[in-house]
Amino acid sequence: MTHFYGRGKIGERVVTNAPRNRGRNISILGRLSLDGLVVSMTVIGSTNKKIFEIYSYFNLD
């Protein structure tokens, strides 16, 4: 976690860099039942309608 505030000398501004967005974004789709997690799928990037339809197609009971 990145700190939002820093300490500096009185009357001087604190200037520093903070790391942001390292790595890729990963979306996780999953289905829960009374037995727990049944089926899960990870997608690199965001989930859209086409990806969700593919996920739903393979999760038929």
N, C-alpha and C. Protein backbone atom coordinates (compact mmCIF):
# COMPACT_ATOMS: atom_id res chain seq x y z
N MET A 1 0.85 -1.17 0.00
CA MET A 1 0.00 0.00 0.00
C MET A 1 0.89 1.24 0.00
N THR A 2 0.49 2.20 -0.77
CA THR A 2 1.24 3.43 -0.91
C THR A 2 0.74 4.44 0.11
N HIS A 3 1.68 5.11 0.74
CA HIS A 3 1.32 6.15 1.71
C HIS A 3 0.83 7.39 0.97
N PHE A 4 -0.18 8.03 1.52
CA PHE A 4 -0.72 9.25 0.93
C PHE A 4 -0.03 10.50 1.46
N TYR A 5 0.66 10.39 2.60
CA TYR A 5 1.30 11.52 3.23
C TYR A 5 2.74 11.17 3.56
N GLY A 6 3.60 12.18 3.61
CA GLY A 6 4.99 11.98 3.97
C GLY A 6 5.42 13.03 4.97
N ARG A 7 6.59 12.81 5.58
CA ARG A 7 7.12 13.78 6.54
C ARG A 7 8.32 14.49 5.92
N GLY A 8 8.37 15.76 6.09
CA GLY A 8 9.47 16.55 5.57
C GLY A 8 9.83 17.65 6.56
N LYS A 9 10.81 18.41 6.21
CA LYS A 9 11.20 19.54 7.05
C LYS A 9 10.08 20.56 7.07
N ILE A 10 10.00 21.28 8.15
CA ILE A 10 8.94 22.28 8.30
C ILE A 10 9.05 23.31 7.19
N GLY A 11 7.95 23.53 6.50
CA GLY A 11 7.90 24.52 5.44
C GLY A 11 8.34 24.01 4.07
N GLU A 12 8.75 22.72 3.98
CA GLU A 12 9.17 22.17 2.69
C GLU A 12 8.20 21.09 2.24
N ARG A 13 8.00 21.03 0.94
CA ARG A 13 7.10 20.04 0.35
C ARG A 13 7.83 18.71 0.18
N VAL A 14 7.12 17.60 0.45
CA VAL A 14 7.67 16.26 0.24
C VAL A 14 7.31 15.82 -1.18
N VAL A 15 8.34 15.49 -1.98
CA VAL A 15 8.12 15.06 -3.36
C VAL A 15 8.76 13.68 -3.51
N THR A 16 7.98 12.71 -4.01
CA THR A 16 8.49 11.36 -4.22
C THR A 16 7.66 10.67 -5.30
N ASN A 17 8.12 9.54 -5.75
CA ASN A 17 7.40 8.75 -6.73
C ASN A 17 6.76 7.55 -6.04
N ALA A 18 5.66 7.07 -6.61
CA ALA A 18 4.99 5.88 -6.08
C ALA A 18 4.73 4.93 -7.25
N PRO A 19 4.98 3.62 -7.05
CA PRO A 19 4.72 2.66 -8.13
C PRO A 19 3.23 2.54 -8.41
N ARG A 20 2.89 2.34 -9.70
CA ARG A 20 1.49 2.20 -10.08
C ARG A 20 1.35 1.12 -11.14
N ASN A 21 0.31 0.35 -11.06
CA ASN A 21 -0.12 -0.58 -12.10
C ASN A 21 1.01 -1.47 -12.62
N ARG A 22 1.60 -2.23 -11.74
CA ARG A 22 2.61 -3.19 -12.18
C ARG A 22 1.90 -4.44 -12.65
N GLY A 23 2.28 -4.96 -13.78
CA GLY A 23 1.70 -6.19 -14.29
C GLY A 23 0.42 -5.94 -15.07
N ARG A 24 -0.17 -7.05 -15.48
CA ARG A 24 -1.41 -6.99 -16.26
C ARG A 24 -2.63 -7.04 -15.36
N ASN A 25 -3.75 -6.54 -15.88
CA ASN A 25 -5.02 -6.68 -15.18
C ASN A 25 -5.58 -8.06 -15.48
N ILE A 26 -6.08 -8.73 -14.47
CA ILE A 26 -6.63 -10.08 -14.64
C ILE A 26 -8.04 -10.09 -14.04
N SER A 27 -9.01 -10.56 -14.83
CA SER A 27 -10.39 -10.72 -14.36
C SER A 27 -10.60 -12.18 -13.98
N ILE A 28 -11.32 -12.40 -12.89
CA ILE A 28 -11.61 -13.76 -12.43
C ILE A 28 -13.12 -13.94 -12.42
N LEU A 29 -13.59 -14.95 -13.14
CA LEU A 29 -15.01 -15.31 -13.14
C LEU A 29 -15.14 -16.61 -12.35
N GLY A 30 -16.18 -16.72 -11.54
CA GLY A 30 -16.37 -17.93 -10.77
C GLY A 30 -17.82 -18.15 -10.43
N ARG A 31 -18.16 -19.40 -10.15
CA ARG A 31 -19.52 -19.75 -9.77
C ARG A 31 -19.48 -20.43 -8.41
N LEU A 32 -20.33 -19.95 -7.51
CA LEU A 32 -20.41 -20.51 -6.16
C LEU A 32 -21.66 -21.37 -6.02
N SER A 33 -21.53 -22.43 -5.25
CA SER A 33 -22.69 -23.25 -4.89
C SER A 33 -22.60 -23.52 -3.39
N LEU A 34 -23.50 -24.33 -2.88
CA LEU A 34 -23.45 -24.67 -1.47
C LEU A 34 -22.20 -25.49 -1.13
N ASP A 35 -21.61 -26.14 -2.13
CA ASP A 35 -20.39 -26.92 -1.93
C ASP A 35 -19.13 -26.07 -2.03
N GLY A 36 -19.26 -24.83 -2.41
CA GLY A 36 -18.11 -23.94 -2.55
C GLY A 36 -17.93 -23.48 -3.98
N LEU A 37 -16.70 -23.15 -4.33
CA LEU A 37 -16.38 -22.69 -5.68
C LEU A 37 -16.40 -23.88 -6.63
N VAL A 38 -17.25 -23.81 -7.65
CA VAL A 38 -17.43 -24.92 -8.59
C VAL A 38 -16.52 -24.75 -9.80
N VAL A 39 -16.66 -23.66 -10.52
CA VAL A 39 -15.91 -23.44 -11.75
C VAL A 39 -15.36 -22.02 -11.72
N SER A 40 -14.10 -21.88 -12.11
CA SER A 40 -13.54 -20.54 -12.19
C SER A 40 -12.77 -20.40 -13.51
N MET A 41 -12.59 -19.16 -13.94
CA MET A 41 -11.89 -18.87 -15.19
C MET A 41 -11.20 -17.53 -15.03
N THR A 42 -9.95 -17.44 -15.47
CA THR A 42 -9.23 -16.17 -15.45
C THR A 42 -9.07 -15.66 -16.88
N VAL A 43 -9.16 -14.35 -17.02
CA VAL A 43 -9.05 -13.70 -18.32
C VAL A 43 -8.06 -12.55 -18.18
N ILE A 44 -7.09 -12.49 -19.08
CA ILE A 44 -6.17 -11.37 -19.08
C ILE A 44 -6.88 -10.17 -19.70
N GLY A 45 -6.99 -9.10 -18.94
CA GLY A 45 -7.72 -7.91 -19.39
C GLY A 45 -9.10 -7.86 -18.76
N SER A 46 -9.99 -7.17 -19.41
CA SER A 46 -11.34 -7.01 -18.87
C SER A 46 -12.29 -8.05 -19.46
N THR A 47 -13.42 -8.22 -18.79
CA THR A 47 -14.44 -9.15 -19.24
C THR A 47 -15.50 -8.39 -20.03
N ASN A 48 -15.88 -8.95 -21.16
CA ASN A 48 -16.95 -8.35 -21.95
C ASN A 48 -18.04 -9.40 -22.19
N LYS A 49 -19.02 -9.06 -22.98
CA LYS A 49 -20.16 -9.96 -23.22
C LYS A 49 -19.73 -11.27 -23.86
N LYS A 50 -18.83 -11.19 -24.84
CA LYS A 50 -18.39 -12.39 -25.55
C LYS A 50 -17.67 -13.36 -24.61
N ILE A 51 -16.79 -12.86 -23.77
CA ILE A 51 -16.07 -13.72 -22.83
C ILE A 51 -17.04 -14.33 -21.82
N PHE A 52 -18.00 -13.55 -21.35
CA PHE A 52 -18.97 -14.08 -20.39
C PHE A 52 -19.85 -15.15 -21.01
N GLU A 53 -20.22 -14.98 -22.28
CA GLU A 53 -21.02 -16.01 -22.96
C GLU A 53 -20.23 -17.31 -23.11
N ILE A 54 -18.94 -17.20 -23.43
CA ILE A 54 -18.11 -18.40 -23.52
C ILE A 54 -18.02 -19.08 -22.16
N TYR A 55 -17.82 -18.31 -21.11
CA TYR A 55 -17.77 -18.86 -19.75
C TYR A 55 -19.08 -19.54 -19.39
N SER A 56 -20.20 -18.91 -19.71
CA SER A 56 -21.52 -19.48 -19.40
C SER A 56 -21.78 -20.75 -20.19
N TYR A 57 -21.31 -20.82 -21.42
CA TYR A 57 -21.53 -22.00 -22.26
C TYR A 57 -20.87 -23.24 -21.66
N PHE A 58 -19.69 -23.10 -21.09
CA PHE A 58 -18.98 -24.24 -20.52
C PHE A 58 -19.39 -24.56 -19.09
N ASN A 59 -20.32 -23.80 -18.52
CA ASN A 59 -20.75 -24.02 -17.14
C ASN A 59 -22.17 -24.54 -17.06
N LEU A 60 -22.59 -25.29 -18.04
CA LEU A 60 -23.94 -25.86 -18.03
C LEU A 60 -24.00 -27.03 -17.06
N ASP A 61 -25.10 -27.17 -16.38
CA ASP A 61 -25.26 -28.29 -15.43
C ASP A 61 -25.84 -29.50 -16.12
